[in-house]
Amino acid sequence: MRRTDLHGRVQASSRGSATFDGRDWIVNSRHTADEEVLRTLASMAGLTPRIIHRVDALELVDDLILAGHGLALLPRGRTSRRGVAVRPLTDPTVRLRAFAVTRRGRDRWPPLRAVLNRLVQAGGPRSSTERSAEQR
């Protein structure tokens, strides 16, 4: 089993799934995406996460983690406060997908095209399902 301490460091143990048992969690207060991922991962291990804080500022999430008030799912590519370690989710791997919805033909407007190009570059390779949806 893999155990994660309050600062996000992954520690190996004898079994092969993640543990959420008895841990306090911090989730986003503006939407439910990270809570849904957390609940799904926990349910795969037969557990229910204990969500104790709903916060909309990532800086406050860092503060709560550093103070020992829970764990959180944090985005990659963001600099967290010193002492907060962000580790990738593995077993299973978790990816955030984002979709840009535009009016037909508007994606050629240069400012929007620049943003869309940056999103595609940052997102890495796309699945065949995503590519076929784009072609429709």
N, C-alpha and C. Protein backbone atom coordinates (compact mmCIF):
# COMPACT_ATOMS: atom_id res chain seq x y z
N MET A 1 0.85 -1.17 0.00
CA MET A 1 0.00 0.00 0.00
C MET A 1 0.90 1.23 0.00
N ARG A 2 0.48 2.28 -0.67
CA ARG A 2 1.23 3.53 -0.67
C ARG A 2 0.59 4.46 0.34
N ARG A 3 1.40 5.10 1.13
CA ARG A 3 0.90 6.07 2.09
C ARG A 3 1.49 7.43 1.77
N THR A 4 0.69 8.45 1.95
CA THR A 4 1.14 9.81 1.70
C THR A 4 1.08 10.56 3.01
N ASP A 5 2.19 11.18 3.41
CA ASP A 5 2.17 11.93 4.67
C ASP A 5 1.54 13.30 4.43
N LEU A 6 1.44 14.11 5.47
CA LEU A 6 0.73 15.39 5.36
C LEU A 6 1.36 16.37 4.39
N HIS A 7 2.59 16.14 4.01
CA HIS A 7 3.23 17.06 3.06
C HIS A 7 3.30 16.46 1.67
N GLY A 8 2.58 15.38 1.44
CA GLY A 8 2.47 14.84 0.10
C GLY A 8 3.61 13.90 -0.28
N ARG A 9 4.50 13.54 0.63
CA ARG A 9 5.58 12.63 0.29
C ARG A 9 5.03 11.21 0.24
N VAL A 10 5.37 10.49 -0.82
CA VAL A 10 4.85 9.14 -0.98
C VAL A 10 5.79 8.18 -0.28
N GLN A 11 5.23 7.32 0.55
CA GLN A 11 6.01 6.32 1.27
C GLN A 11 5.50 4.95 0.86
N ALA A 12 6.42 4.04 0.56
CA ALA A 12 6.03 2.70 0.11
C ALA A 12 5.68 1.83 1.31
N SER A 13 4.75 0.93 1.12
CA SER A 13 4.47 -0.10 2.10
C SER A 13 4.14 -1.39 1.37
N SER A 14 3.59 -2.37 2.05
CA SER A 14 3.52 -3.71 1.49
C SER A 14 2.43 -3.97 0.46
N ARG A 15 1.33 -3.22 0.41
CA ARG A 15 0.27 -3.49 -0.55
C ARG A 15 0.30 -2.49 -1.69
N GLY A 16 -0.55 -2.71 -2.74
CA GLY A 16 -0.40 -1.93 -3.96
C GLY A 16 -1.40 -0.84 -4.25
N SER A 17 -2.29 -0.42 -3.34
CA SER A 17 -3.24 0.64 -3.67
C SER A 17 -3.06 1.82 -2.72
N ALA A 18 -3.61 2.96 -3.11
CA ALA A 18 -3.46 4.17 -2.29
C ALA A 18 -4.39 4.11 -1.09
N THR A 19 -4.00 4.74 0.00
CA THR A 19 -4.87 4.76 1.17
C THR A 19 -5.33 6.18 1.47
N PHE A 20 -6.62 6.29 1.76
CA PHE A 20 -7.21 7.56 2.14
C PHE A 20 -7.80 7.45 3.53
N ASP A 21 -7.74 6.25 4.09
CA ASP A 21 -8.39 5.95 5.35
C ASP A 21 -7.87 6.81 6.48
N GLY A 22 -8.79 7.50 7.16
CA GLY A 22 -8.43 8.30 8.31
C GLY A 22 -7.73 9.61 7.99
N ARG A 23 -7.69 9.99 6.74
CA ARG A 23 -7.02 11.23 6.35
C ARG A 23 -8.04 12.34 6.17
N ASP A 24 -7.66 13.54 6.55
CA ASP A 24 -8.48 14.73 6.31
C ASP A 24 -8.12 15.31 4.94
N TRP A 25 -9.13 15.78 4.22
CA TRP A 25 -8.90 16.30 2.87
C TRP A 25 -9.45 17.72 2.72
N ILE A 26 -8.81 18.46 1.82
CA ILE A 26 -9.17 19.83 1.48
C ILE A 26 -9.57 19.81 0.01
N VAL A 27 -10.75 20.36 -0.32
CA VAL A 27 -11.20 20.39 -1.71
C VAL A 27 -11.58 21.81 -2.10
N ASN A 28 -11.83 21.99 -3.38
CA ASN A 28 -12.20 23.29 -3.92
C ASN A 28 -13.64 23.64 -3.55
N SER A 29 -13.88 24.88 -3.19
CA SER A 29 -15.23 25.30 -2.84
C SER A 29 -16.00 25.85 -4.04
N ARG A 30 -15.35 26.08 -5.16
CA ARG A 30 -16.02 26.68 -6.32
C ARG A 30 -16.60 25.66 -7.29
N HIS A 31 -16.03 24.47 -7.32
CA HIS A 31 -16.56 23.41 -8.19
C HIS A 31 -16.24 22.07 -7.56
N THR A 32 -16.69 20.99 -8.17
CA THR A 32 -16.57 19.67 -7.55
C THR A 32 -15.59 18.74 -8.24
N ALA A 33 -14.84 19.21 -9.23
CA ALA A 33 -13.98 18.31 -10.00
C ALA A 33 -12.97 17.56 -9.13
N ASP A 34 -12.23 18.26 -8.28
CA ASP A 34 -11.24 17.55 -7.47
C ASP A 34 -11.90 16.65 -6.44
N GLU A 35 -13.05 17.06 -5.92
CA GLU A 35 -13.77 16.22 -4.97
C GLU A 35 -14.25 14.94 -5.65
N GLU A 36 -14.73 15.05 -6.88
CA GLU A 36 -15.17 13.86 -7.61
C GLU A 36 -14.02 12.90 -7.86
N VAL A 37 -12.86 13.44 -8.24
CA VAL A 37 -11.67 12.60 -8.45
C VAL A 37 -11.27 11.93 -7.14
N LEU A 38 -11.22 12.70 -6.07
CA LEU A 38 -10.85 12.17 -4.77
C LEU A 38 -11.82 11.06 -4.34
N ARG A 39 -13.11 11.30 -4.47
CA ARG A 39 -14.10 10.29 -4.07
C ARG A 39 -14.00 9.04 -4.95
N THR A 40 -13.72 9.23 -6.23
CA THR A 40 -13.58 8.08 -7.14
C THR A 40 -12.36 7.24 -6.75
N LEU A 41 -11.22 7.90 -6.55
CA LEU A 41 -10.00 7.17 -6.16
C LEU A 41 -10.19 6.44 -4.83
N ALA A 42 -10.81 7.11 -3.89
CA ALA A 42 -11.04 6.49 -2.59
C ALA A 42 -11.98 5.29 -2.72
N SER A 43 -13.04 5.44 -3.53
CA SER A 43 -13.98 4.33 -3.69
C SER A 43 -13.32 3.13 -4.34
N MET A 44 -12.34 3.36 -5.20
CA MET A 44 -11.61 2.26 -5.81
C MET A 44 -10.83 1.46 -4.77
N ALA A 45 -10.49 2.12 -3.67
CA ALA A 45 -9.80 1.46 -2.56
C ALA A 45 -10.78 1.02 -1.48
N GLY A 46 -12.11 1.20 -1.74
CA GLY A 46 -13.12 0.81 -0.78
C GLY A 46 -13.24 1.74 0.41
N LEU A 47 -12.86 3.00 0.23
CA LEU A 47 -12.85 3.96 1.32
C LEU A 47 -13.69 5.18 0.99
N THR A 48 -13.96 6.01 1.98
CA THR A 48 -14.66 7.28 1.81
C THR A 48 -13.77 8.37 2.40
N PRO A 49 -13.38 9.36 1.59
CA PRO A 49 -12.51 10.41 2.12
C PRO A 49 -13.25 11.30 3.11
N ARG A 50 -12.54 11.80 4.10
CA ARG A 50 -13.12 12.72 5.07
C ARG A 50 -12.75 14.14 4.65
N ILE A 51 -13.70 14.84 4.03
CA ILE A 51 -13.47 16.20 3.54
C ILE A 51 -13.83 17.16 4.66
N ILE A 52 -12.83 17.94 5.10
CA ILE A 52 -13.07 18.83 6.24
C ILE A 52 -12.97 20.30 5.90
N HIS A 53 -12.38 20.62 4.75
CA HIS A 53 -12.26 22.02 4.34
C HIS A 53 -12.65 22.16 2.87
N ARG A 54 -13.35 23.24 2.55
CA ARG A 54 -13.67 23.62 1.17
C ARG A 54 -13.11 25.03 1.00
N VAL A 55 -12.12 25.15 0.13
CA VAL A 55 -11.35 26.39 0.02
C VAL A 55 -11.23 26.77 -1.45
N ASP A 56 -11.25 28.08 -1.75
CA ASP A 56 -11.10 28.49 -3.15
C ASP A 56 -9.77 29.15 -3.46
N ALA A 57 -8.88 29.28 -2.51
CA ALA A 57 -7.57 29.90 -2.74
C ALA A 57 -6.46 28.87 -2.52
N LEU A 58 -5.67 28.62 -3.56
CA LEU A 58 -4.62 27.62 -3.45
C LEU A 58 -3.57 27.98 -2.41
N GLU A 59 -3.35 29.27 -2.19
CA GLU A 59 -2.40 29.68 -1.15
C GLU A 59 -2.88 29.25 0.22
N LEU A 60 -4.19 29.35 0.46
CA LEU A 60 -4.77 28.90 1.72
C LEU A 60 -4.68 27.38 1.84
N VAL A 61 -4.88 26.67 0.73
CA VAL A 61 -4.72 25.21 0.74
C VAL A 61 -3.30 24.87 1.20
N ASP A 62 -2.29 25.54 0.62
CA ASP A 62 -0.90 25.33 1.05
C ASP A 62 -0.75 25.55 2.55
N ASP A 63 -1.31 26.64 3.05
CA ASP A 63 -1.21 26.94 4.48
C ASP A 63 -1.84 25.84 5.33
N LEU A 64 -3.01 25.35 4.91
CA LEU A 64 -3.68 24.29 5.66
C LEU A 64 -2.86 23.00 5.65
N ILE A 65 -2.27 22.67 4.52
CA ILE A 65 -1.43 21.48 4.43
C ILE A 65 -0.23 21.63 5.36
N LEU A 66 0.43 22.77 5.31
CA LEU A 66 1.61 23.01 6.15
C LEU A 66 1.27 22.97 7.63
N ALA A 67 0.05 23.38 7.98
CA ALA A 67 -0.37 23.38 9.37
C ALA A 67 -0.86 22.00 9.82
N GLY A 68 -0.84 21.02 8.90
CA GLY A 68 -1.25 19.67 9.25
C GLY A 68 -2.74 19.43 9.25
N HIS A 69 -3.51 20.26 8.51
CA HIS A 69 -4.97 20.15 8.51
C HIS A 69 -5.52 19.32 7.36
N GLY A 70 -4.68 18.63 6.61
CA GLY A 70 -5.20 17.77 5.56
C GLY A 70 -4.32 17.70 4.34
N LEU A 71 -4.79 16.89 3.40
CA LEU A 71 -4.17 16.71 2.09
C LEU A 71 -5.08 17.32 1.05
N ALA A 72 -4.53 17.58 -0.14
CA ALA A 72 -5.34 18.15 -1.21
C ALA A 72 -4.81 17.71 -2.55
N LEU A 73 -5.66 17.76 -3.55
CA LEU A 73 -5.23 17.59 -4.93
C LEU A 73 -4.85 18.97 -5.44
N LEU A 74 -3.61 19.12 -5.90
CA LEU A 74 -3.13 20.41 -6.37
C LEU A 74 -2.70 20.30 -7.83
N PRO A 75 -2.80 21.39 -8.59
CA PRO A 75 -2.41 21.35 -10.00
C PRO A 75 -0.90 21.31 -10.18
N ARG A 76 -0.47 20.59 -11.21
CA ARG A 76 0.94 20.61 -11.59
C ARG A 76 1.26 21.96 -12.21
N GLY A 77 2.54 22.32 -12.21
CA GLY A 77 2.95 23.53 -12.88
C GLY A 77 2.78 24.78 -12.04
N ARG A 78 2.30 24.64 -10.85
CA ARG A 78 2.12 25.77 -9.94
C ARG A 78 3.15 25.62 -8.83
N THR A 79 3.75 26.72 -8.44
CA THR A 79 4.72 26.68 -7.35
C THR A 79 3.98 26.74 -6.03
N SER A 80 4.10 25.67 -5.25
CA SER A 80 3.50 25.63 -3.92
C SER A 80 4.47 26.20 -2.91
N ARG A 81 3.96 26.48 -1.74
CA ARG A 81 4.80 27.02 -0.67
C ARG A 81 5.88 26.02 -0.28
N ARG A 82 6.96 26.54 0.24
CA ARG A 82 8.05 25.69 0.70
C ARG A 82 7.52 24.75 1.78
N GLY A 83 7.84 23.47 1.62
CA GLY A 83 7.37 22.47 2.56
C GLY A 83 6.19 21.66 2.05
N VAL A 84 5.56 22.11 0.95
CA VAL A 84 4.46 21.37 0.35
C VAL A 84 5.01 20.66 -0.88
N ALA A 85 4.93 19.34 -0.88
CA ALA A 85 5.41 18.56 -2.02
C ALA A 85 4.22 18.11 -2.84
N VAL A 86 4.27 18.35 -4.15
CA VAL A 86 3.21 17.92 -5.05
C VAL A 86 3.73 16.72 -5.82
N ARG A 87 3.01 15.62 -5.71
CA ARG A 87 3.40 14.37 -6.35
C ARG A 87 2.33 13.97 -7.36
N PRO A 88 2.75 13.34 -8.45
CA PRO A 88 1.75 12.89 -9.43
C PRO A 88 0.89 11.76 -8.87
N LEU A 89 -0.35 11.72 -9.30
CA LEU A 89 -1.22 10.61 -8.92
C LEU A 89 -0.93 9.44 -9.86
N THR A 90 -0.64 8.31 -9.29
CA THR A 90 -0.38 7.11 -10.09
C THR A 90 -1.21 5.97 -9.55
N ASP A 91 -1.41 4.97 -10.37
CA ASP A 91 -2.10 3.75 -9.96
C ASP A 91 -3.49 4.01 -9.43
N PRO A 92 -4.42 4.54 -10.20
CA PRO A 92 -4.34 4.85 -11.62
C PRO A 92 -3.82 6.27 -11.86
N THR A 93 -3.34 6.49 -13.07
CA THR A 93 -2.91 7.82 -13.48
C THR A 93 -4.15 8.70 -13.67
N VAL A 94 -4.07 9.94 -13.22
CA VAL A 94 -5.19 10.87 -13.32
C VAL A 94 -4.77 12.04 -14.19
N ARG A 95 -5.64 12.41 -15.14
CA ARG A 95 -5.36 13.56 -16.02
C ARG A 95 -6.55 14.50 -15.98
N LEU A 96 -6.26 15.79 -15.98
CA LEU A 96 -7.31 16.80 -16.08
C LEU A 96 -7.47 17.14 -17.56
N ARG A 97 -8.69 17.06 -18.04
CA ARG A 97 -8.98 17.42 -19.43
C ARG A 97 -9.77 18.70 -19.45
N ALA A 98 -9.43 19.56 -20.37
CA ALA A 98 -10.16 20.82 -20.54
C ALA A 98 -10.57 20.94 -22.00
N PHE A 99 -11.71 21.53 -22.23
CA PHE A 99 -12.20 21.72 -23.58
C PHE A 99 -12.49 23.20 -23.79
N ALA A 100 -12.08 23.70 -24.95
CA ALA A 100 -12.40 25.08 -25.32
C ALA A 100 -13.58 25.03 -26.28
N VAL A 101 -14.62 25.74 -25.96
CA VAL A 101 -15.82 25.76 -26.81
C VAL A 101 -15.90 27.15 -27.43
N THR A 102 -15.92 27.18 -28.75
CA THR A 102 -15.97 28.46 -29.47
C THR A 102 -17.09 28.41 -30.51
N ARG A 103 -17.47 29.59 -30.96
CA ARG A 103 -18.42 29.65 -32.08
C ARG A 103 -17.68 29.23 -33.34
N ARG A 104 -18.44 28.67 -34.27
CA ARG A 104 -17.85 28.24 -35.54
C ARG A 104 -17.11 29.41 -36.20
N GLY A 105 -15.86 29.18 -36.55
CA GLY A 105 -15.05 30.18 -37.24
C GLY A 105 -14.33 31.16 -36.33
N ARG A 106 -14.74 31.28 -35.08
CA ARG A 106 -14.11 32.23 -34.15
C ARG A 106 -12.71 31.79 -33.72
N ASP A 107 -12.42 30.51 -33.85
CA ASP A 107 -11.11 30.02 -33.43
C ASP A 107 -9.98 30.53 -34.33
N ARG A 108 -10.32 31.21 -35.42
CA ARG A 108 -9.30 31.81 -36.28
C ARG A 108 -8.92 33.22 -35.85
N TRP A 109 -9.66 33.82 -34.93
CA TRP A 109 -9.35 35.15 -34.42
C TRP A 109 -8.00 35.06 -33.71
N PRO A 110 -7.00 35.86 -34.12
CA PRO A 110 -5.62 35.68 -33.64
C PRO A 110 -5.44 35.59 -32.12
N PRO A 111 -6.08 36.46 -31.30
CA PRO A 111 -5.87 36.30 -29.85
C PRO A 111 -6.39 34.95 -29.32
N LEU A 112 -7.57 34.54 -29.80
CA LEU A 112 -8.11 33.26 -29.36
C LEU A 112 -7.28 32.10 -29.91
N ARG A 113 -6.83 32.19 -31.15
CA ARG A 113 -5.99 31.15 -31.74
C ARG A 113 -4.72 30.98 -30.92
N ALA A 114 -4.13 32.09 -30.45
CA ALA A 114 -2.91 32.01 -29.63
C ALA A 114 -3.17 31.26 -28.33
N VAL A 115 -4.28 31.56 -27.68
CA VAL A 115 -4.63 30.87 -26.43
C VAL A 115 -4.88 29.39 -26.69
N LEU A 116 -5.64 29.08 -27.73
CA LEU A 116 -5.92 27.67 -28.05
C LEU A 116 -4.65 26.90 -28.36
N ASN A 117 -3.74 27.52 -29.10
CA ASN A 117 -2.46 26.86 -29.40
C ASN A 117 -1.67 26.57 -28.12
N ARG A 118 -1.65 27.52 -27.19
CA ARG A 118 -0.94 27.31 -25.92
C ARG A 118 -1.57 26.18 -25.11
N LEU A 119 -2.90 26.12 -25.11
CA LEU A 119 -3.58 25.04 -24.39
C LEU A 119 -3.22 23.68 -24.97
N VAL A 120 -3.21 23.59 -26.29
CA VAL A 120 -2.87 22.32 -26.94
C VAL A 120 -1.42 21.95 -26.63
N GLN A 121 -0.50 22.91 -26.69
CA GLN A 121 0.91 22.63 -26.38
C GLN A 121 1.08 22.16 -24.94
N ALA A 122 0.40 22.81 -24.02
CA ALA A 122 0.52 22.46 -22.60
C ALA A 122 -0.13 21.13 -22.28
N GLY A 123 -1.13 20.75 -23.07
CA GLY A 123 -1.89 19.55 -22.78
C GLY A 123 -1.24 18.26 -23.20
N GLY A 124 -0.24 18.29 -24.03
CA GLY A 124 0.39 17.06 -24.46
C GLY A 124 -0.44 16.32 -25.48
N PRO A 125 -0.12 15.05 -25.67
CA PRO A 125 -0.82 14.27 -26.69
C PRO A 125 -2.29 14.08 -26.36
N ARG A 126 -3.12 14.10 -27.39
CA ARG A 126 -4.55 13.91 -27.22
C ARG A 126 -4.93 12.48 -27.56
N SER A 127 -6.00 12.01 -26.98
CA SER A 127 -6.49 10.66 -27.26
C SER A 127 -7.19 10.66 -28.61
N SER A 128 -7.42 9.46 -29.17
CA SER A 128 -8.14 9.35 -30.43
C SER A 128 -9.57 9.85 -30.30
N THR A 129 -10.18 9.67 -29.13
CA THR A 129 -11.54 10.16 -28.89
C THR A 129 -11.59 11.68 -28.97
N GLU A 130 -10.59 12.33 -28.37
CA GLU A 130 -10.54 13.79 -28.41
C GLU A 130 -10.30 14.29 -29.83
N ARG A 131 -9.43 13.62 -30.59
CA ARG A 131 -9.17 14.03 -31.96
C ARG A 131 -10.42 13.85 -32.84
N SER A 132 -11.15 12.74 -32.66
CA SER A 132 -12.35 12.52 -33.48
C SER A 132 -13.45 13.53 -33.12
N ALA A 133 -13.56 13.90 -31.85
CA ALA A 133 -14.54 14.91 -31.45
C ALA A 133 -14.21 16.25 -32.08
N GLU A 134 -12.92 16.56 -32.21
CA GLU A 134 -12.49 17.83 -32.80
C GLU A 134 -12.85 17.88 -34.29
N GLN A 135 -12.85 16.73 -34.96
CA GLN A 135 -13.10 16.69 -36.40
C GLN A 135 -14.58 16.82 -36.73
N ARG A 136 -15.46 16.62 -35.75
CA ARG A 136 -16.91 16.70 -36.01
C ARG A 136 -17.37 18.10 -36.24
